[in-house]
Amino acid sequence: DFAGVDRSLVVTAFQSASGLLNLVNPTFAVVMGGLALGRVGYHKWLRFTLPLMIILLIVYAVVLSIGVFVPGQIF
């Protein structure tokens, strides 16, 4: 356990943050390859996906907060 939080919840938080970062990371080959094939600029794609990133960040925060306060293993 880490700071009183179940280790499965810590792993879930890490994976959620990693996945969200990989969607906006300009050095992630899958994102840049897809943008190059679609001939879409990175800044245009970033402006398009920014609302989704904010929504996902809020959902991750809510779900992880519930996971911290609910007793027992839910993940």
N, C-alpha and C. Protein backbone atom coordinates (compact mmCIF):
# COMPACT_ATOMS: atom_id res chain seq x y z
N ASP A 1 0.83 -1.19 0.00
CA ASP A 1 0.00 0.00 0.00
C ASP A 1 0.88 1.26 0.00
N PHE A 2 0.38 2.29 -0.62
CA PHE A 2 1.11 3.55 -0.75
C PHE A 2 0.26 4.66 -0.15
N ALA A 3 0.72 5.24 0.96
CA ALA A 3 0.02 6.33 1.64
C ALA A 3 -1.42 5.96 1.99
N GLY A 4 -1.62 4.71 2.37
CA GLY A 4 -2.95 4.27 2.76
C GLY A 4 -3.88 3.98 1.60
N VAL A 5 -3.36 3.98 0.38
CA VAL A 5 -4.17 3.71 -0.81
C VAL A 5 -3.79 2.33 -1.34
N ASP A 6 -4.79 1.54 -1.71
CA ASP A 6 -4.55 0.20 -2.22
C ASP A 6 -3.66 0.25 -3.45
N ARG A 7 -2.77 -0.73 -3.59
CA ARG A 7 -1.81 -0.71 -4.70
C ARG A 7 -2.48 -0.84 -6.06
N SER A 8 -3.61 -1.51 -6.14
CA SER A 8 -4.29 -1.60 -7.43
C SER A 8 -4.81 -0.23 -7.87
N LEU A 9 -5.20 0.59 -6.93
CA LEU A 9 -5.65 1.94 -7.25
C LEU A 9 -4.49 2.82 -7.69
N VAL A 10 -3.32 2.62 -7.10
CA VAL A 10 -2.13 3.37 -7.52
C VAL A 10 -1.76 2.99 -8.95
N VAL A 11 -1.83 1.71 -9.28
CA VAL A 11 -1.53 1.27 -10.64
C VAL A 11 -2.56 1.83 -11.62
N THR A 12 -3.81 1.85 -11.24
CA THR A 12 -4.86 2.42 -12.09
C THR A 12 -4.62 3.90 -12.34
N ALA A 13 -4.22 4.63 -11.32
CA ALA A 13 -3.92 6.06 -11.48
C ALA A 13 -2.74 6.25 -12.42
N PHE A 14 -1.71 5.43 -12.27
CA PHE A 14 -0.54 5.54 -13.14
C PHE A 14 -0.90 5.24 -14.59
N GLN A 15 -1.66 4.19 -14.82
CA GLN A 15 -2.04 3.82 -16.18
C GLN A 15 -2.95 4.86 -16.81
N SER A 16 -3.84 5.44 -16.03
CA SER A 16 -4.73 6.48 -16.55
C SER A 16 -3.94 7.70 -16.98
N ALA A 17 -3.01 8.12 -16.14
CA ALA A 17 -2.18 9.28 -16.48
C ALA A 17 -1.29 8.99 -17.67
N SER A 18 -0.74 7.80 -17.74
CA SER A 18 0.11 7.43 -18.87
C SER A 18 -0.68 7.42 -20.17
N GLY A 19 -1.86 6.87 -20.16
CA GLY A 19 -2.69 6.84 -21.36
C GLY A 19 -3.10 8.22 -21.82
N LEU A 20 -3.44 9.08 -20.88
CA LEU A 20 -3.83 10.45 -21.23
C LEU A 20 -2.64 11.22 -21.79
N LEU A 21 -1.49 11.03 -21.21
CA LEU A 21 -0.29 11.72 -21.70
C LEU A 21 0.11 11.22 -23.09
N ASN A 22 -0.04 9.93 -23.34
CA ASN A 22 0.31 9.39 -24.65
C ASN A 22 -0.57 9.94 -25.77
N LEU A 23 -1.77 10.39 -25.45
CA LEU A 23 -2.64 10.96 -26.47
C LEU A 23 -2.20 12.35 -26.91
N VAL A 24 -1.46 13.06 -26.08
CA VAL A 24 -1.04 14.42 -26.42
C VAL A 24 0.46 14.55 -26.57
N ASN A 25 1.20 13.50 -26.34
CA ASN A 25 2.65 13.54 -26.42
C ASN A 25 3.10 13.62 -27.88
N PRO A 26 3.79 14.69 -28.29
CA PRO A 26 4.18 14.81 -29.70
C PRO A 26 5.27 13.84 -30.12
N THR A 27 5.90 13.14 -29.18
CA THR A 27 6.92 12.16 -29.56
C THR A 27 6.37 10.74 -29.60
N PHE A 28 5.09 10.57 -29.35
CA PHE A 28 4.46 9.25 -29.41
C PHE A 28 4.25 8.90 -30.89
N ALA A 29 4.89 7.83 -31.34
CA ALA A 29 4.94 7.50 -32.76
C ALA A 29 3.57 7.22 -33.36
N VAL A 30 2.68 6.60 -32.62
CA VAL A 30 1.36 6.28 -33.16
C VAL A 30 0.57 7.55 -33.46
N VAL A 31 0.62 8.52 -32.55
CA VAL A 31 -0.10 9.78 -32.76
C VAL A 31 0.49 10.53 -33.94
N MET A 32 1.80 10.68 -33.96
CA MET A 32 2.42 11.45 -35.03
C MET A 32 2.29 10.75 -36.38
N GLY A 33 2.38 9.43 -36.39
CA GLY A 33 2.19 8.69 -37.64
C GLY A 33 0.78 8.83 -38.17
N GLY A 34 -0.20 8.74 -37.29
CA GLY A 34 -1.59 8.92 -37.71
C GLY A 34 -1.87 10.32 -38.21
N LEU A 35 -1.30 11.31 -37.55
CA LEU A 35 -1.48 12.69 -38.00
C LEU A 35 -0.81 12.93 -39.34
N ALA A 36 0.35 12.31 -39.54
CA ALA A 36 1.04 12.46 -40.83
C ALA A 36 0.26 11.80 -41.95
N LEU A 37 -0.28 10.61 -41.69
CA LEU A 37 -1.07 9.93 -42.72
C LEU A 37 -2.34 10.70 -43.05
N GLY A 38 -2.94 11.30 -42.06
CA GLY A 38 -4.17 12.05 -42.27
C GLY A 38 -3.94 13.49 -42.70
N ARG A 39 -2.66 13.89 -42.75
CA ARG A 39 -2.28 15.26 -43.11
C ARG A 39 -2.99 16.29 -42.23
N VAL A 40 -2.94 16.02 -40.93
CA VAL A 40 -3.53 16.92 -39.94
C VAL A 40 -2.39 17.49 -39.11
N GLY A 41 -2.37 18.79 -38.92
CA GLY A 41 -1.34 19.42 -38.11
C GLY A 41 -1.51 19.09 -36.64
N TYR A 42 -0.39 19.05 -35.93
CA TYR A 42 -0.42 18.69 -34.51
C TYR A 42 -1.23 19.71 -33.71
N HIS A 43 -1.04 20.99 -33.98
CA HIS A 43 -1.75 22.02 -33.22
C HIS A 43 -3.26 21.97 -33.49
N LYS A 44 -3.62 21.68 -34.72
CA LYS A 44 -5.05 21.56 -35.06
C LYS A 44 -5.66 20.36 -34.32
N TRP A 45 -4.95 19.26 -34.31
CA TRP A 45 -5.42 18.06 -33.62
C TRP A 45 -5.49 18.29 -32.12
N LEU A 46 -4.51 19.00 -31.58
CA LEU A 46 -4.49 19.28 -30.14
C LEU A 46 -5.67 20.16 -29.73
N ARG A 47 -5.98 21.17 -30.54
CA ARG A 47 -7.15 22.02 -30.24
C ARG A 47 -8.44 21.22 -30.33
N PHE A 48 -8.51 20.28 -31.26
CA PHE A 48 -9.71 19.46 -31.43
C PHE A 48 -9.91 18.51 -30.25
N THR A 49 -8.82 17.93 -29.76
CA THR A 49 -8.93 16.92 -28.70
C THR A 49 -8.86 17.49 -27.29
N LEU A 50 -8.54 18.75 -27.14
CA LEU A 50 -8.42 19.34 -25.80
C LEU A 50 -9.69 19.19 -24.96
N PRO A 51 -10.89 19.43 -25.49
CA PRO A 51 -12.09 19.21 -24.66
C PRO A 51 -12.22 17.76 -24.19
N LEU A 52 -11.88 16.81 -25.04
CA LEU A 52 -11.93 15.40 -24.64
C LEU A 52 -10.92 15.12 -23.54
N MET A 53 -9.74 15.68 -23.65
CA MET A 53 -8.72 15.48 -22.61
C MET A 53 -9.18 16.02 -21.26
N ILE A 54 -9.82 17.17 -21.27
CA ILE A 54 -10.32 17.76 -20.02
C ILE A 54 -11.42 16.89 -19.42
N ILE A 55 -12.33 16.40 -20.26
CA ILE A 55 -13.40 15.52 -19.79
C ILE A 55 -12.82 14.24 -19.21
N LEU A 56 -11.85 13.64 -19.90
CA LEU A 56 -11.23 12.41 -19.40
C LEU A 56 -10.50 12.66 -18.08
N LEU A 57 -9.83 13.78 -17.97
CA LEU A 57 -9.14 14.11 -16.73
C LEU A 57 -10.11 14.22 -15.56
N ILE A 58 -11.25 14.84 -15.80
CA ILE A 58 -12.26 14.98 -14.74
C ILE A 58 -12.84 13.61 -14.38
N VAL A 59 -13.14 12.79 -15.38
CA VAL A 59 -13.67 11.45 -15.12
C VAL A 59 -12.67 10.61 -14.34
N TYR A 60 -11.38 10.66 -14.74
CA TYR A 60 -10.35 9.92 -14.01
C TYR A 60 -10.28 10.37 -12.56
N ALA A 61 -10.32 11.68 -12.34
CA ALA A 61 -10.23 12.20 -10.98
C ALA A 61 -11.41 11.76 -10.13
N VAL A 62 -12.61 11.78 -10.71
CA VAL A 62 -13.80 11.36 -9.96
C VAL A 62 -13.75 9.88 -9.63
N VAL A 63 -13.43 9.06 -10.61
CA VAL A 63 -13.40 7.61 -10.40
C VAL A 63 -12.32 7.23 -9.39
N LEU A 64 -11.14 7.84 -9.51
CA LEU A 64 -10.08 7.53 -8.56
C LEU A 64 -10.41 8.03 -7.16
N SER A 65 -11.08 9.16 -7.07
CA SER A 65 -11.49 9.67 -5.75
C SER A 65 -12.50 8.73 -5.11
N ILE A 66 -13.44 8.24 -5.89
CA ILE A 66 -14.40 7.27 -5.37
C ILE A 66 -13.67 6.01 -4.92
N GLY A 67 -12.69 5.59 -5.70
CA GLY A 67 -11.91 4.40 -5.33
C GLY A 67 -11.15 4.56 -4.03
N VAL A 68 -10.72 5.77 -3.72
CA VAL A 68 -10.00 6.01 -2.47
C VAL A 68 -10.95 5.96 -1.28
N PHE A 69 -12.14 6.52 -1.44
CA PHE A 69 -13.04 6.66 -0.30
C PHE A 69 -13.97 5.47 -0.08
N VAL A 70 -14.14 4.61 -1.06
CA VAL A 70 -15.00 3.44 -0.91
C VAL A 70 -14.15 2.29 -0.36
N PRO A 71 -14.57 1.70 0.75
CA PRO A 71 -13.78 0.61 1.31
C PRO A 71 -13.86 -0.64 0.43
N GLY A 72 -12.81 -1.40 0.42
CA GLY A 72 -12.76 -2.62 -0.38
C GLY A 72 -12.15 -2.36 -1.74
N GLN A 73 -11.88 -3.45 -2.43
CA GLN A 73 -11.24 -3.34 -3.73
C GLN A 73 -12.30 -3.31 -4.81
N ILE A 74 -12.38 -2.19 -5.55
CA ILE A 74 -13.40 -2.07 -6.59
C ILE A 74 -12.79 -2.18 -7.98
N PHE A 75 -11.48 -2.19 -8.08
CA PHE A 75 -10.85 -2.30 -9.41
C PHE A 75 -10.28 -3.67 -9.60
